[in-house]
PDB file of N, CA and C in Angstrom:
ATOM      1  N   MET A   1       1.184 -13.397  10.148  1.00  0.00           N
ATOM      2  CA  MET A   1       0.456 -13.763   8.952  1.00  0.00           C
ATOM      3  C   MET A   1       1.301 -13.414   7.736  1.00  0.00           C
ATOM      4  N   LYS A   2       1.442 -14.342   6.825  1.00  0.00           N
ATOM      5  CA  LYS A   2       2.223 -14.124   5.615  1.00  0.00           C
ATOM      6  C   LYS A   2       1.288 -13.744   4.472  1.00  0.00           C
ATOM      7  N   LEU A   3       1.650 -12.693   3.762  1.00  0.00           N
ATOM      8  CA  LEU A   3       0.861 -12.256   2.610  1.00  0.00           C
ATOM      9  C   LEU A   3       1.329 -13.009   1.377  1.00  0.00           C
ATOM     10  N   GLU A   4       0.384 -13.445   0.559  1.00  0.00           N
ATOM     11  CA  GLU A   4       0.723 -14.214  -0.630  1.00  0.00           C
ATOM     12  C   GLU A   4       0.962 -13.299  -1.829  1.00  0.00           C
ATOM     13  N   GLU A   5       2.115 -13.450  -2.446  1.00  0.00           N
ATOM     14  CA  GLU A   5       2.441 -12.668  -3.638  1.00  0.00           C
ATOM     15  C   GLU A   5       1.593 -13.164  -4.802  1.00  0.00           C
ATOM     16  N   VAL A   6       0.906 -12.215  -5.477  1.00  0.00           N
ATOM     17  CA  VAL A   6       0.104 -12.579  -6.647  1.00  0.00           C
ATOM     18  C   VAL A   6       0.722 -12.056  -7.939  1.00  0.00           C
ATOM     19  N   ASP A   7       1.691 -11.136  -7.806  1.00  0.00           N
ATOM     20  CA  ASP A   7       2.332 -10.542  -8.979  1.00  0.00           C
ATOM     21  C   ASP A   7       3.578  -9.808  -8.519  1.00  0.00           C
ATOM     22  N   ARG A   8       4.354  -9.322  -9.473  1.00  0.00           N
ATOM     23  CA  ARG A   8       5.483  -8.436  -9.185  1.00  0.00           C
ATOM     24  C   ARG A   8       5.315  -7.223 -10.086  1.00  0.00           C
ATOM     25  N   LYS A   9       5.522  -6.037  -9.525  1.00  0.00           N
ATOM     26  CA  LYS A   9       5.326  -4.785 -10.268  1.00  0.00           C
ATOM     27  C   LYS A   9       6.651  -4.055 -10.408  1.00  0.00           C
ATOM     28  N   ASP A  10       6.889  -3.505 -11.585  1.00  0.00           N
ATOM     29  CA  ASP A  10       8.064  -2.662 -11.817  1.00  0.00           C
ATOM     30  C   ASP A  10       7.693  -1.252 -11.378  1.00  0.00           C
ATOM     31  N   VAL A  11       8.339  -0.744 -10.321  1.00  0.00           N
ATOM     32  CA  VAL A  11       8.007   0.573  -9.780  1.00  0.00           C
ATOM     33  C   VAL A  11       9.223   1.482  -9.808  1.00  0.00           C
ATOM     34  N   THR A  12       8.968   2.774  -9.910  1.00  0.00           N
ATOM     35  CA  THR A  12      10.014   3.787  -9.814  1.00  0.00           C
ATOM     36  C   THR A  12       9.914   4.434  -8.445  1.00  0.00           C
ATOM     37  N   LEU A  13      10.993   4.365  -7.675  1.00  0.00           N
ATOM     38  CA  LEU A  13      11.029   4.908  -6.323  1.00  0.00           C
ATOM     39  C   LEU A  13      11.250   6.415  -6.352  1.00  0.00           C
ATOM     40  N   ALA A  14      11.068   7.069  -5.216  1.00  0.00           N
ATOM     41  CA  ALA A  14      11.219   8.519  -5.121  1.00  0.00           C
ATOM     42  C   ALA A  14      12.613   8.982  -5.524  1.00  0.00           C
ATOM     43  N   ASP A  15      13.628   8.138  -5.323  1.00  0.00           N
ATOM     44  CA  ASP A  15      14.994   8.515  -5.694  1.00  0.00           C
ATOM     45  C   ASP A  15      15.303   8.244  -7.164  1.00  0.00           C
ATOM     46  N   GLY A  16      14.298   7.777  -7.922  1.00  0.00           N
ATOM     47  CA  GLY A  16      14.468   7.529  -9.346  1.00  0.00           C
ATOM     48  C   GLY A  16      14.860   6.107  -9.698  1.00  0.00           C
ATOM     49  N   ASN A  17      15.266   5.304  -8.709  1.00  0.00           N
ATOM     50  CA  ASN A  17      15.621   3.909  -8.967  1.00  0.00           C
ATOM     51  C   ASN A  17      14.374   3.088  -9.284  1.00  0.00           C
ATOM     52  N   ARG A  18      14.563   2.076 -10.152  1.00  0.00           N
ATOM     53  CA  ARG A  18      13.459   1.172 -10.480  1.00  0.00           C
ATOM     54  C   ARG A  18      13.716  -0.171  -9.820  1.00  0.00           C
ATOM     55  N   GLN A  19      12.646  -0.781  -9.285  1.00  0.00           N
ATOM     56  CA  GLN A  19      12.746  -2.089  -8.649  1.00  0.00           C
ATOM     57  C   GLN A  19      11.529  -2.923  -9.001  1.00  0.00           C
ATOM     58  N   LEU A  20      11.706  -4.236  -8.969  1.00  0.00           N
ATOM     59  CA  LEU A  20      10.600  -5.172  -9.121  1.00  0.00           C
ATOM     60  C   LEU A  20      10.122  -5.507  -7.713  1.00  0.00           C
ATOM     61  N   ILE A  21       8.870  -5.146  -7.393  1.00  0.00           N
ATOM     62  CA  ILE A  21       8.332  -5.222  -6.041  1.00  0.00           C
ATOM     63  C   ILE A  21       7.180  -6.229  -5.997  1.00  0.00           C
ATOM     64  N   SER A  22       7.084  -6.970  -4.888  1.00  0.00           N
ATOM     65  CA  SER A  22       5.986  -7.920  -4.693  1.00  0.00           C
ATOM     66  C   SER A  22       4.658  -7.192  -4.562  1.00  0.00           C
ATOM     67  N   TYR A  23       3.628  -7.735  -5.210  1.00  0.00           N
ATOM     68  CA  TYR A  23       2.266  -7.223  -5.100  1.00  0.00           C
ATOM     69  C   TYR A  23       1.435  -8.321  -4.449  1.00  0.00           C
ATOM     70  N   VAL A  24       0.739  -7.986  -3.359  1.00  0.00           N
ATOM     71  CA  VAL A  24      -0.064  -8.961  -2.617  1.00  0.00           C
ATOM     72  C   VAL A  24      -1.519  -8.530  -2.607  1.00  0.00           C
ATOM     73  N   GLY A  25      -2.411  -9.466  -2.365  1.00  0.00           N
ATOM     74  CA  GLY A  25      -3.822  -9.113  -2.264  1.00  0.00           C
ATOM     75  C   GLY A  25      -4.667 -10.369  -2.325  1.00  0.00           C
ATOM     76  N   SER A  26      -5.829 -10.231  -2.090  1.00  0.00           N
ATOM     77  CA  SER A  26      -6.552  -9.077  -1.591  1.00  0.00           C
ATOM     78  C   SER A  26      -6.360  -8.990  -0.074  1.00  0.00           C
ATOM     79  N   ILE A  27      -6.198  -7.768   0.426  1.00  0.00           N
ATOM     80  CA  ILE A  27      -6.025  -7.567   1.855  1.00  0.00           C
ATOM     81  C   ILE A  27      -7.154  -6.692   2.389  1.00  0.00           C
ATOM     82  N   GLU A  28      -7.491  -6.915   3.640  1.00  0.00           N
ATOM     83  CA  GLU A  28      -8.505  -6.113   4.314  1.00  0.00           C
ATOM     84  C   GLU A  28      -7.774  -5.037   5.110  1.00  0.00           C
ATOM     85  N   ILE A  29      -8.171  -3.788   4.908  1.00  0.00           N
ATOM     86  CA  ILE A  29      -7.528  -2.656   5.577  1.00  0.00           C
ATOM     87  C   ILE A  29      -8.537  -2.028   6.520  1.00  0.00           C
ATOM     88  N   LYS A  30      -8.175  -1.926   7.799  1.00  0.00           N
ATOM     89  CA  LYS A  30      -9.053  -1.300   8.786  1.00  0.00           C
ATOM     90  C   LYS A  30      -8.316  -0.145   9.436  1.00  0.00           C
ATOM     91  N   PHE A  31      -9.006   0.985   9.578  1.00  0.00           N
ATOM     92  CA  PHE A  31      -8.470   2.142  10.277  1.00  0.00           C
ATOM     93  C   PHE A  31      -9.623   2.821  11.002  1.00  0.00           C
ATOM     94  N   LYS A  32      -9.537   2.835  12.323  1.00  0.00           N
ATOM     95  CA  LYS A  32     -10.609   3.368  13.164  1.00  0.00           C
ATOM     96  C   LYS A  32     -11.934   2.737  12.750  1.00  0.00           C
ATOM     97  N   ASN A  33     -12.909   3.514  12.305  1.00  0.00           N
ATOM     98  CA  ASN A  33     -14.220   2.951  11.937  1.00  0.00           C
ATOM     99  C   ASN A  33     -14.361   2.754  10.429  1.00  0.00           C
ATOM    100  N   ARG A  34     -13.236   2.674   9.723  1.00  0.00           N
ATOM    101  CA  ARG A  34     -13.275   2.545   8.266  1.00  0.00           C
ATOM    102  C   ARG A  34     -12.694   1.200   7.831  1.00  0.00           C
ATOM    103  N   ILE A  35     -13.119   0.731   6.655  1.00  0.00           N
ATOM    104  CA  ILE A  35     -12.632  -0.544   6.128  1.00  0.00           C
ATOM    105  C   ILE A  35     -12.550  -0.459   4.609  1.00  0.00           C
ATOM    106  N   SER A  36     -11.563  -1.148   4.044  1.00  0.00           N
ATOM    107  CA  SER A  36     -11.400  -1.199   2.597  1.00  0.00           C
ATOM    108  C   SER A  36     -10.725  -2.521   2.237  1.00  0.00           C
ATOM    109  N   PHE A  37     -10.851  -2.941   0.997  1.00  0.00           N
ATOM    110  CA  PHE A  37     -10.172  -4.128   0.486  1.00  0.00           C
ATOM    111  C   PHE A  37      -9.346  -3.703  -0.713  1.00  0.00           C
ATOM    112  N   SER A  38      -8.116  -4.200  -0.788  1.00  0.00           N
ATOM    113  CA  SER A  38      -7.225  -3.749  -1.845  1.00  0.00           C
ATOM    114  C   SER A  38      -6.065  -4.719  -2.008  1.00  0.00           C
ATOM    115  N   GLY A  39      -5.228  -4.433  -2.969  1.00  0.00           N
ATOM    116  CA  GLY A  39      -3.924  -5.057  -3.094  1.00  0.00           C
ATOM    117  C   GLY A  39      -2.896  -4.068  -2.572  1.00  0.00           C
ATOM    118  N   ALA A  40      -1.666  -4.513  -2.373  1.00  0.00           N
ATOM    119  CA  ALA A  40      -0.629  -3.617  -1.861  1.00  0.00           C
ATOM    120  C   ALA A  40       0.738  -4.075  -2.342  1.00  0.00           C
ATOM    121  N   LEU A  41       1.666  -3.137  -2.412  1.00  0.00           N
ATOM    122  CA  LEU A  41       3.061  -3.444  -2.709  1.00  0.00           C
ATOM    123  C   LEU A  41       3.779  -3.732  -1.404  1.00  0.00           C
ATOM    124  N   VAL A  42       4.748  -4.647  -1.422  1.00  0.00           N
ATOM    125  CA  VAL A  42       5.501  -4.989  -0.222  1.00  0.00           C
ATOM    126  C   VAL A  42       6.986  -4.778  -0.495  1.00  0.00           C
ATOM    127  N   MET A  43       7.602  -3.931   0.331  1.00  0.00           N
ATOM    128  CA  MET A  43       9.049  -3.694   0.260  1.00  0.00           C
ATOM    129  C   MET A  43       9.640  -4.090   1.608  1.00  0.00           C
ATOM    130  N   GLY A  44      10.342  -5.210   1.646  1.00  0.00           N
ATOM    131  CA  GLY A  44      10.888  -5.705   2.909  1.00  0.00           C
ATOM    132  C   GLY A  44       9.759  -6.085   3.844  1.00  0.00           C
ATOM    133  N   HIS A  45       9.684  -5.413   4.995  1.00  0.00           N
ATOM    134  CA  HIS A  45       8.614  -5.672   5.960  1.00  0.00           C
ATOM    135  C   HIS A  45       7.557  -4.578   5.931  1.00  0.00           C
ATOM    136  N   GLN A  46       7.612  -3.689   4.943  1.00  0.00           N
ATOM    137  CA  GLN A  46       6.652  -2.592   4.851  1.00  0.00           C
ATOM    138  C   GLN A  46       5.639  -2.866   3.749  1.00  0.00           C
ATOM    139  N   VAL A  47       4.362  -2.660   4.074  1.00  0.00           N
ATOM    140  CA  VAL A  47       3.278  -2.779   3.104  1.00  0.00           C
ATOM    141  C   VAL A  47       2.915  -1.366   2.675  1.00  0.00           C
ATOM    142  N   LEU A  48       2.960  -1.107   1.374  1.00  0.00           N
ATOM    143  CA  LEU A  48       2.701   0.228   0.844  1.00  0.00           C
ATOM    144  C   LEU A  48       1.325   0.284   0.204  1.00  0.00           C
ATOM    145  N   LEU A  49       0.489   1.184   0.702  1.00  0.00           N
ATOM    146  CA  LEU A  49      -0.844   1.384   0.141  1.00  0.00           C
ATOM    147  C   LEU A  49      -0.816   2.569  -0.808  1.00  0.00           C
ATOM    148  N   GLY A  50      -1.614   2.497  -1.835  1.00  0.00           N
ATOM    149  CA  GLY A  50      -1.738   3.622  -2.746  1.00  0.00           C
ATOM    150  C   GLY A  50      -2.833   4.579  -2.301  1.00  0.00           C
ATOM    151  N   ALA A  51      -3.063   5.577  -3.111  1.00  0.00           N
ATOM    152  CA  ALA A  51      -4.046   6.610  -2.789  1.00  0.00           C
ATOM    153  C   ALA A  51      -5.486   6.092  -2.855  1.00  0.00           C
ATOM    154  N   ILE A  52      -5.768   5.148  -3.731  1.00  0.00           N
ATOM    155  CA  ILE A  52      -7.149   4.698  -3.925  1.00  0.00           C
ATOM    156  C   ILE A  52      -7.738   4.047  -2.671  1.00  0.00           C
ATOM    157  N   PRO A  53      -7.029   3.115  -1.986  1.00  0.00           N
ATOM    158  CA  PRO A  53      -7.616   2.570  -0.749  1.00  0.00           C
ATOM    159  C   PRO A  53      -7.837   3.643   0.314  1.00  0.00           C
ATOM    160  N   MET A  54      -6.924   4.612   0.406  1.00  0.00           N
ATOM    161  CA  MET A  54      -7.106   5.684   1.388  1.00  0.00           C
ATOM    162  C   MET A  54      -8.297   6.557   1.024  1.00  0.00           C
ATOM    163  N   GLU A  55      -8.470   6.848  -0.259  1.00  0.00           N
ATOM    164  CA  GLU A  55      -9.637   7.620  -0.695  1.00  0.00           C
ATOM    165  C   GLU A  55     -10.920   6.840  -0.437  1.00  0.00           C
ATOM    166  N   ASP A  56     -10.867   5.517  -0.634  1.00  0.00           N
ATOM    167  CA  ASP A  56     -12.031   4.671  -0.389  1.00  0.00           C
ATOM    168  C   ASP A  56     -12.488   4.761   1.071  1.00  0.00           C
ATOM    169  N   MET A  57     -11.534   4.999   1.978  1.00  0.00           N
ATOM    170  CA  MET A  57     -11.864   5.119   3.399  1.00  0.00           C
ATOM    171  C   MET A  57     -12.040   6.582   3.824  1.00  0.00           C
ATOM    172  N   ASP A  58     -12.067   7.507   2.858  1.00  0.00           N
ATOM    173  CA  ASP A  58     -12.193   8.944   3.119  1.00  0.00           C
ATOM    174  C   ASP A  58     -11.101   9.470   4.040  1.00  0.00           C
ATOM    175  N   LEU A  59      -9.862   9.008   3.820  1.00  0.00           N
ATOM    176  CA  LEU A  59      -8.724   9.468   4.615  1.00  0.00           C
ATOM    177  C   LEU A  59      -7.927  10.514   3.852  1.00  0.00           C
ATOM    178  N   ILE A  60      -7.440  11.496   4.572  1.00  0.00           N
ATOM    179  CA  ILE A  60      -6.560  12.514   4.007  1.00  0.00           C
ATOM    180  C   ILE A  60      -5.267  12.482   4.807  1.00  0.00           C
ATOM    181  N   ILE A  61      -4.143  12.290   4.118  1.00  0.00           N
ATOM    182  CA  ILE A  61      -2.840  12.225   4.764  1.00  0.00           C
ATOM    183  C   ILE A  61      -2.141  13.565   4.579  1.00  0.00           C
ATOM    184  N   ILE A  62      -1.616  14.122   5.670  1.00  0.00           N
ATOM    185  CA  ILE A  62      -0.847  15.367   5.622  1.00  0.00           C
ATOM    186  C   ILE A  62       0.600  15.018   5.953  1.00  0.00           C
ATOM    187  N   PRO A  63       1.450  14.810   4.928  1.00  0.00           N
ATOM    188  CA  PRO A  63       2.809  14.356   5.156  1.00  0.00           C
ATOM    189  C   PRO A  63       3.645  15.289   6.054  1.00  0.00           C
ATOM    190  N   SER A  64       3.458  16.584   5.920  1.00  0.00           N
ATOM    191  CA  SER A  64       4.283  17.535   6.685  1.00  0.00           C
ATOM    192  C   SER A  64       4.090  17.397   8.197  1.00  0.00           C
ATOM    193  N   SER A  65       2.889  17.004   8.622  1.00  0.00           N
ATOM    194  CA  SER A  65       2.629  16.861  10.059  1.00  0.00           C
ATOM    195  C   SER A  65       2.545  15.405  10.500  1.00  0.00           C
ATOM    196  N   GLY A  66       2.540  14.467   9.529  1.00  0.00           N
ATOM    197  CA  GLY A  66       2.421  13.065   9.873  1.00  0.00           C
ATOM    198  C   GLY A  66       1.042  12.660  10.366  1.00  0.00           C
ATOM    199  N   THR A  67       0.027  13.464  10.024  1.00  0.00           N
ATOM    200  CA  THR A  67      -1.337  13.155  10.469  1.00  0.00           C
ATOM    201  C   THR A  67      -2.212  12.756   9.285  1.00  0.00           C
TER     202      THR A  67
END
């Protein structure tokens, strides 16, 4: 399935570089018994979600353990 670009966003990456990134939406996000609708940034083949969709699904990410 191909996601349709609706905009391009100027973002600053963790290494300090700035890039113009594709923004797609609206997408349906499902995780276990949770669901949310949002837009997302796309870098290559990776879809990046922000904190708001994860909060909407009551998810807490622990980066140090990957859980």
